[in-house]
Amino acid sequence: MSKLISEAQIRAAHSKGRPIEVEPGQIVTPAARDLARKLGVAITEDKKTARRRGTVVVGSDHGGFVLKEALKPKIKEIGFEVRDVGCDGTDAVDYPVYAARVADTLVSGDAQAGIMIDGAGIGSSMVGNKIAGVRAALCYDITTARNAREHNNANMLTLGGSLIGPGLATQIVEAFLETDFGGGRHQRRVSMIDALDQENRSS
C-alpha cells in the first residue's frame, strides 16, 4: 500500500468513475486534494484515522468571527477535532487576547495546529510570534501556506477575515493542515528560530 495518494491515483479514480478510499496510514497530498476537487472525485477517509489527526485550536476577533465559523466544519471534514477559544460574536473585542489564547493552547500541547483570524491577520501573527514555541505565519494564498509548513514548520496560521473569502480561506487552511514539514536543510533554519526563543527566555 502506497503511503501517499497522489495526483496520478486521483486521475485513475476519475477515469474509472470511482471514489478514493483512504486507508489507515495513508496521506492525501494537497495537490491530489486540489485535483480531486476539480475533477469531482470523492475522497473518503477511515474515521479512526481521522480522529488520530489531532486537534486544531481556532480563534478570532470580531473581524474574523464569521470566517472562523465558516471554517470550523471544513476543518472537521478533513479529519481534525476543533477547539474554539473565542470570540463568540461580532461585538468589538481585542485580537491580542484571542491570538494569545490560540498560541498558549498550542504550546501547552492541547492542539497540534492553530488558526487565528482577525481583520487583516497581521496583528495576530505578531502576537503569536511573541510566545515561545509558536511559529505563526500570515498567509493569503495556497503557495505561502504550503511554504510556511514545508520550509518553516509553522504551527499557527493567521488569516485576514476582511480580506479573503471563505472559498480561498478553506483552500489555505487545507493546504496548511495537509502539508508536512520538509525537514532536511530546513530543519537547521527552524532550529535557529527556536534558539531565539531559548535566548529570550534566559535573558
C-alpha atoms as a PDB file:
ATOM      1  CA  MET A   1       0.000   0.000   0.000  1.00  0.00           C
ATOM      2  CA  SER A   2       1.359   3.395  -1.000  1.00  0.00           C
ATOM      3  CA  LYS A   3       1.647   5.830   1.919  1.00  0.00           C
ATOM      4  CA  LEU A   4       0.850   8.839  -0.296  1.00  0.00           C
ATOM      5  CA  ILE A   5      -2.197   9.228  -2.503  1.00  0.00           C
ATOM      6  CA  SER A   6      -1.015  11.248  -5.467  1.00  0.00           C
ATOM      7  CA  GLU A   7      -2.488  13.124  -8.401  1.00  0.00           C
ATOM      8  CA  ALA A   8      -1.936  10.056 -10.616  1.00  0.00           C
ATOM      9  CA  GLN A   9      -4.195   7.995  -8.359  1.00  0.00           C
ATOM     10  CA  ILE A  10      -6.841  10.707  -8.457  1.00  0.00           C
ATOM     11  CA  ARG A  11      -6.754  10.694 -12.266  1.00  0.00           C
ATOM     12  CA  ALA A  12      -7.027   6.906 -12.302  1.00  0.00           C
ATOM     13  CA  ALA A  13     -10.031   7.005  -9.979  1.00  0.00           C
ATOM     14  CA  HIS A  14     -11.640   9.686 -12.150  1.00  0.00           C
ATOM     15  CA  SER A  15     -11.192   7.630 -15.312  1.00  0.00           C
ATOM     16  CA  LYS A  16     -12.885   4.652 -13.622  1.00  0.00           C
ATOM     17  CA  GLY A  17     -15.605   6.757 -12.015  1.00  0.00           C
ATOM     18  CA  ARG A  18     -14.629   5.584  -8.538  1.00  0.00           C
ATOM     19  CA  PRO A  19     -14.063   7.399  -5.237  1.00  0.00           C
ATOM     20  CA  ILE A  20     -10.731   7.373  -3.426  1.00  0.00           C
ATOM     21  CA  GLU A  21     -10.769   5.399  -0.188  1.00  0.00           C
ATOM     22  CA  VAL A  22      -8.034   6.430   2.237  1.00  0.00           C
ATOM     23  CA  GLU A  23      -6.769   3.576   4.377  1.00  0.00           C
ATOM     24  CA  PRO A  24      -5.202   3.998   7.848  1.00  0.00           C
ATOM     25  CA  GLY A  25      -1.674   5.338   7.484  1.00  0.00           C
ATOM     26  CA  GLN A  26      -2.232   6.883   4.060  1.00  0.00           C
ATOM     27  CA  ILE A  27      -1.938  10.627   3.363  1.00  0.00           C
ATOM     28  CA  VAL A  28      -3.597  12.535   0.536  1.00  0.00           C
ATOM     29  CA  THR A  29      -1.217  15.172  -0.816  1.00  0.00           C
ATOM     30  CA  PRO A  30      -2.569  18.756  -1.044  1.00  0.00           C
ATOM     31  CA  ALA A  31      -2.099  18.707  -4.843  1.00  0.00           C
ATOM     32  CA  ALA A  32      -4.112  15.481  -5.024  1.00  0.00           C
ATOM     33  CA  ARG A  33      -6.916  17.018  -2.965  1.00  0.00           C
ATOM     34  CA  ASP A  34      -6.966  20.056  -5.249  1.00  0.00           C
ATOM     35  CA  LEU A  35      -7.229  17.810  -8.315  1.00  0.00           C
ATOM     36  CA  ALA A  36      -9.929  15.651  -6.727  1.00  0.00           C
ATOM     37  CA  ARG A  37     -11.965  18.772  -6.053  1.00  0.00           C
ATOM     38  CA  LYS A  38     -11.590  19.924  -9.672  1.00  0.00           C
ATOM     39  CA  LEU A  39     -12.465  16.511 -11.124  1.00  0.00           C
ATOM     40  CA  GLY A  40     -15.246  15.773  -8.664  1.00  0.00           C
ATOM     41  CA  VAL A  41     -13.568  12.672  -7.227  1.00  0.00           C
ATOM     42  CA  ALA A  42     -14.885  11.855  -3.751  1.00  0.00           C
ATOM     43  CA  ILE A  43     -12.331  11.149  -1.013  1.00  0.00           C
ATOM     44  CA  THR A  44     -13.466   9.019   1.920  1.00  0.00           C
ATOM     45  CA  GLU A  45     -11.277   8.573   4.981  1.00  0.00           C
ATOM     46  CA  ASP A  46     -11.293   5.981   7.717  1.00  0.00           C
ATOM     47  CA  LYS A  47     -12.910   7.603  10.779  1.00  0.00           C
ATOM     48  CA  LYS A  48     -10.360   6.147  13.201  1.00  0.00           C
ATOM     49  CA  THR A  49      -7.549   7.576  11.096  1.00  0.00           C
ATOM     50  CA  ALA A  50      -9.261  10.963  11.011  1.00  0.00           C
ATOM     51  CA  ARG A  51      -9.592  11.038  14.798  1.00  0.00           C
ATOM     52  CA  ARG A  52      -5.874  10.393  15.149  1.00  0.00           C
ATOM     53  CA  ARG A  53      -5.006  13.537  13.201  1.00  0.00           C
ATOM     54  CA  GLY A  54      -5.259  15.694  16.294  1.00  0.00           C
ATOM     55  CA  THR A  55      -6.803  18.990  17.327  1.00  0.00           C
ATOM     56  CA  VAL A  56      -6.779  22.402  15.692  1.00  0.00           C
ATOM     57  CA  VAL A  57      -7.340  25.351  18.012  1.00  0.00           C
ATOM     58  CA  VAL A  58      -9.172  28.245  16.352  1.00  0.00           C
ATOM     59  CA  GLY A  59      -9.758  31.813  17.457  1.00  0.00           C
ATOM     60  CA  SER A  60     -10.810  35.165  16.082  1.00  0.00           C
ATOM     61  CA  ASP A  61     -11.660  38.724  16.926  1.00  0.00           C
ATOM     62  CA  HIS A  62     -14.908  40.347  15.785  1.00  0.00           C
ATOM     63  CA  GLY A  63     -13.470  40.937  12.296  1.00  0.00           C
ATOM     64  CA  GLY A  64     -12.701  37.252  11.839  1.00  0.00           C
ATOM     65  CA  PHE A  65     -15.691  35.713  13.610  1.00  0.00           C
ATOM     66  CA  VAL A  66     -17.800  34.997  10.515  1.00  0.00           C
ATOM     67  CA  LEU A  67     -14.894  33.366   8.668  1.00  0.00           C
ATOM     68  CA  LYS A  68     -13.960  31.331  11.757  1.00  0.00           C
ATOM     69  CA  GLU A  69     -17.460  29.914  11.954  1.00  0.00           C
ATOM     70  CA  ALA A  70     -17.370  29.046   8.243  1.00  0.00           C
ATOM     71  CA  LEU A  71     -14.012  27.266   8.566  1.00  0.00           C
ATOM     72  CA  LYS A  72     -14.780  25.112  11.617  1.00  0.00           C
ATOM     73  CA  PRO A  73     -16.888  22.490   9.768  1.00  0.00           C
ATOM     74  CA  LYS A  74     -14.329  22.413   6.935  1.00  0.00           C
ATOM     75  CA  ILE A  75     -11.543  21.606   9.402  1.00  0.00           C
ATOM     76  CA  LYS A  76     -13.652  18.781  10.823  1.00  0.00           C
ATOM     77  CA  GLU A  77     -14.317  17.456   7.312  1.00  0.00           C
ATOM     78  CA  ILE A  78     -10.617  16.874   6.721  1.00  0.00           C
ATOM     79  CA  GLY A  79     -10.306  14.899   9.922  1.00  0.00           C
ATOM     80  CA  PHE A  80      -9.337  17.205  12.771  1.00  0.00           C
ATOM     81  CA  GLU A  81     -11.020  17.969  16.053  1.00  0.00           C
ATOM     82  CA  VAL A  82     -11.712  21.683  16.573  1.00  0.00           C
ATOM     83  CA  ARG A  83     -11.238  23.630  19.788  1.00  0.00           C
ATOM     84  CA  ASP A  84     -12.706  27.141  19.658  1.00  0.00           C
ATOM     85  CA  VAL A  85     -11.248  29.666  22.125  1.00  0.00           C
ATOM     86  CA  GLY A  86     -13.435  32.604  21.024  1.00  0.00           C
ATOM     87  CA  CYS A  87     -14.555  35.177  20.319  1.00  0.00           C
ATOM     88  CA  ASP A  88     -18.260  34.406  20.253  1.00  0.00           C
ATOM     89  CA  GLY A  89     -19.755  37.150  18.104  1.00  0.00           C
ATOM     90  CA  THR A  90     -19.249  40.319  16.107  1.00  0.00           C
ATOM     91  CA  ASP A  91     -19.128  42.770  19.005  1.00  0.00           C
ATOM     92  CA  ALA A  92     -15.762  44.546  19.117  1.00  0.00           C
ATOM     93  CA  VAL A  93     -13.026  42.719  21.050  1.00  0.00           C
ATOM     94  CA  ASP A  94      -9.221  42.904  21.201  1.00  0.00           C
ATOM     95  CA  TYR A  95      -7.421  40.486  18.870  1.00  0.00           C
ATOM     96  CA  PRO A  96      -4.325  40.077  21.124  1.00  0.00           C
ATOM     97  CA  VAL A  97      -6.475  38.334  23.756  1.00  0.00           C
ATOM     98  CA  TYR A  98      -7.666  35.635  21.364  1.00  0.00           C
ATOM     99  CA  ALA A  99      -4.418  35.280  19.430  1.00  0.00           C
ATOM    100  CA  ALA A 100      -2.657  34.655  22.753  1.00  0.00           C
ATOM    101  CA  ARG A 101      -5.245  32.023  23.656  1.00  0.00           C
ATOM    102  CA  VAL A 102      -4.582  30.185  20.390  1.00  0.00           C
ATOM    103  CA  ALA A 103      -0.815  30.411  20.928  1.00  0.00           C
ATOM    104  CA  ASP A 104      -0.985  29.301  24.562  1.00  0.00           C
ATOM    105  CA  THR A 105      -3.132  26.295  23.642  1.00  0.00           C
ATOM    106  CA  LEU A 106      -0.509  25.296  21.085  1.00  0.00           C
ATOM    107  CA  VAL A 107       2.474  25.481  23.422  1.00  0.00           C
ATOM    108  CA  SER A 108       0.560  23.634  26.150  1.00  0.00           C
ATOM    109  CA  GLY A 109       0.292  20.653  23.809  1.00  0.00           C
ATOM    110  CA  ASP A 110      -3.510  20.680  23.764  1.00  0.00           C
ATOM    111  CA  ALA A 111      -3.545  21.270  19.988  1.00  0.00           C
ATOM    112  CA  GLN A 112      -1.279  20.352  17.098  1.00  0.00           C
ATOM    113  CA  ALA A 113      -2.020  23.445  14.996  1.00  0.00           C
ATOM    114  CA  GLY A 114      -3.610  26.843  15.490  1.00  0.00           C
ATOM    115  CA  ILE A 115      -5.637  29.174  13.284  1.00  0.00           C
ATOM    116  CA  MET A 116      -6.354  32.783  14.269  1.00  0.00           C
ATOM    117  CA  ILE A 117      -8.417  35.209  12.214  1.00  0.00           C
ATOM    118  CA  ASP A 118      -8.636  38.964  12.648  1.00  0.00           C
ATOM    119  CA  GLY A 119      -9.401  41.719  10.172  1.00  0.00           C
ATOM    120  CA  ALA A 120      -6.079  41.590   8.321  1.00  0.00           C
ATOM    121  CA  GLY A 121      -4.214  38.763  10.057  1.00  0.00           C
ATOM    122  CA  ILE A 122      -1.150  40.914  10.698  1.00  0.00           C
ATOM    123  CA  GLY A 123      -1.646  41.733  14.361  1.00  0.00           C
ATOM    124  CA  SER A 124      -2.437  38.151  15.307  1.00  0.00           C
ATOM    125  CA  SER A 125       0.741  36.965  13.600  1.00  0.00           C
ATOM    126  CA  MET A 126       2.716  39.460  15.685  1.00  0.00           C
ATOM    127  CA  VAL A 127       1.071  38.213  18.876  1.00  0.00           C
ATOM    128  CA  GLY A 128       1.680  34.564  18.067  1.00  0.00           C
ATOM    129  CA  ASN A 129       5.352  35.110  17.402  1.00  0.00           C
ATOM    130  CA  LYS A 130       5.802  36.792  20.800  1.00  0.00           C
ATOM    131  CA  ILE A 131       5.078  33.464  22.503  1.00  0.00           C
ATOM    132  CA  ALA A 132       7.936  30.962  22.744  1.00  0.00           C
ATOM    133  CA  GLY A 133       7.286  27.779  20.812  1.00  0.00           C
ATOM    134  CA  VAL A 134       4.934  29.382  18.301  1.00  0.00           C
ATOM    135  CA  ARG A 135       5.868  29.913  14.657  1.00  0.00           C
ATOM    136  CA  ALA A 136       2.978  31.946  13.273  1.00  0.00           C
ATOM    137  CA  ALA A 137       2.584  32.606   9.551  1.00  0.00           C
ATOM    138  CA  LEU A 138       0.244  35.074   7.869  1.00  0.00           C
ATOM    139  CA  CYS A 139      -0.856  33.509   4.575  1.00  0.00           C
ATOM    140  CA  TYR A 140      -3.009  34.885   1.775  1.00  0.00           C
ATOM    141  CA  ASP A 141      -2.705  32.062  -0.771  1.00  0.00           C
ATOM    142  CA  ILE A 142      -2.143  28.315  -1.066  1.00  0.00           C
ATOM    143  CA  THR A 143       1.528  28.623  -2.013  1.00  0.00           C
ATOM    144  CA  THR A 144       2.503  30.595   1.082  1.00  0.00           C
ATOM    145  CA  ALA A 145       0.505  28.218   3.292  1.00  0.00           C
ATOM    146  CA  ARG A 146       2.394  25.217   1.932  1.00  0.00           C
ATOM    147  CA  ASN A 147       5.712  27.049   2.150  1.00  0.00           C
ATOM    148  CA  ALA A 148       5.050  28.051   5.753  1.00  0.00           C
ATOM    149  CA  ARG A 149       4.621  24.406   6.699  1.00  0.00           C
ATOM    150  CA  GLU A 150       7.193  22.741   4.454  1.00  0.00           C
ATOM    151  CA  HIS A 151      10.036  25.251   4.936  1.00  0.00           C
ATOM    152  CA  ASN A 152       9.304  26.929   8.281  1.00  0.00           C
ATOM    153  CA  ASN A 153       7.355  24.278  10.207  1.00  0.00           C
ATOM    154  CA  ALA A 154       4.766  26.926  11.092  1.00  0.00           C
ATOM    155  CA  ASN A 155       2.277  25.732  13.691  1.00  0.00           C
ATOM    156  CA  MET A 156      -0.054  28.747  13.721  1.00  0.00           C
ATOM    157  CA  LEU A 157      -1.811  30.185  10.683  1.00  0.00           C
ATOM    158  CA  THR A 158      -3.238  33.706  10.712  1.00  0.00           C
ATOM    159  CA  LEU A 159      -5.791  34.962   8.216  1.00  0.00           C
ATOM    160  CA  GLY A 160      -7.393  38.282   7.324  1.00  0.00           C
ATOM    161  CA  GLY A 161     -11.131  37.849   7.665  1.00  0.00           C
ATOM    162  CA  SER A 162     -11.928  41.104   5.890  1.00  0.00           C
ATOM    163  CA  LEU A 163      -9.526  40.474   3.008  1.00  0.00           C
ATOM    164  CA  ILE A 164     -10.155  36.912   1.824  1.00  0.00           C
ATOM    165  CA  GLY A 165     -13.361  34.982   1.263  1.00  0.00           C
ATOM    166  CA  PRO A 166     -14.360  31.591   2.662  1.00  0.00           C
ATOM    167  CA  GLY A 167     -13.544  29.687  -0.536  1.00  0.00           C
ATOM    168  CA  LEU A 168      -9.914  30.761  -0.675  1.00  0.00           C
ATOM    169  CA  ALA A 169      -9.596  30.604   3.119  1.00  0.00           C
ATOM    170  CA  THR A 170     -10.733  26.971   3.062  1.00  0.00           C
ATOM    171  CA  GLN A 171      -8.081  26.104   0.480  1.00  0.00           C
ATOM    172  CA  ILE A 172      -5.390  27.913   2.501  1.00  0.00           C
ATOM    173  CA  VAL A 173      -6.369  26.108   5.699  1.00  0.00           C
ATOM    174  CA  GLU A 174      -6.432  22.745   3.950  1.00  0.00           C
ATOM    175  CA  ALA A 175      -3.003  23.337   2.425  1.00  0.00           C
ATOM    176  CA  PHE A 176      -1.615  24.403   5.799  1.00  0.00           C
ATOM    177  CA  LEU A 177      -3.002  21.390   7.658  1.00  0.00           C
ATOM    178  CA  GLU A 178      -2.177  18.835   4.968  1.00  0.00           C
ATOM    179  CA  THR A 179       1.415  19.880   4.271  1.00  0.00           C
ATOM    180  CA  ASP A 180       4.173  18.225   6.283  1.00  0.00           C
ATOM    181  CA  PHE A 181       7.384  19.881   7.384  1.00  0.00           C
ATOM    182  CA  GLY A 182      10.130  19.088   4.875  1.00  0.00           C
ATOM    183  CA  GLY A 183      12.939  18.676   7.415  1.00  0.00           C
ATOM    184  CA  GLY A 184      16.394  18.253   5.906  1.00  0.00           C
ATOM    185  CA  ARG A 185      18.059  21.579   5.128  1.00  0.00           C
ATOM    186  CA  HIS A 186      15.032  23.398   6.548  1.00  0.00           C
ATOM    187  CA  GLN A 187      15.484  21.858   9.997  1.00  0.00           C
ATOM    188  CA  ARG A 188      18.704  23.760  10.639  1.00  0.00           C
ATOM    189  CA  ARG A 189      16.967  27.069   9.980  1.00  0.00           C
ATOM    190  CA  VAL A 190      13.920  26.254  12.065  1.00  0.00           C
ATOM    191  CA  SER A 191      16.266  25.248  14.876  1.00  0.00           C
ATOM    192  CA  MET A 192      17.828  28.699  14.611  1.00  0.00           C
ATOM    193  CA  ILE A 193      14.370  30.253  15.066  1.00  0.00           C
ATOM    194  CA  ASP A 194      13.703  28.057  18.081  1.00  0.00           C
ATOM    195  CA  ALA A 195      17.073  29.002  19.556  1.00  0.00           C
ATOM    196  CA  LEU A 196      15.945  32.628  19.639  1.00  0.00           C
ATOM    197  CA  ASP A 197      13.064  31.569  21.881  1.00  0.00           C
ATOM    198  CA  GLN A 198      15.520  29.989  24.288  1.00  0.00           C
ATOM    199  CA  GLU A 199      17.760  33.063  24.254  1.00  0.00           C
ATOM    200  CA  ASN A 200      14.851  35.358  25.051  1.00  0.00           C
ATOM    201  CA  ARG A 201      13.667  33.093  27.863  1.00  0.00           C
ATOM    202  CA  SER A 202      17.078  33.153  29.540  1.00  0.00           C
ATOM    203  CA  SER A 203      17.743  36.891  29.088  1.00  0.00           C
END
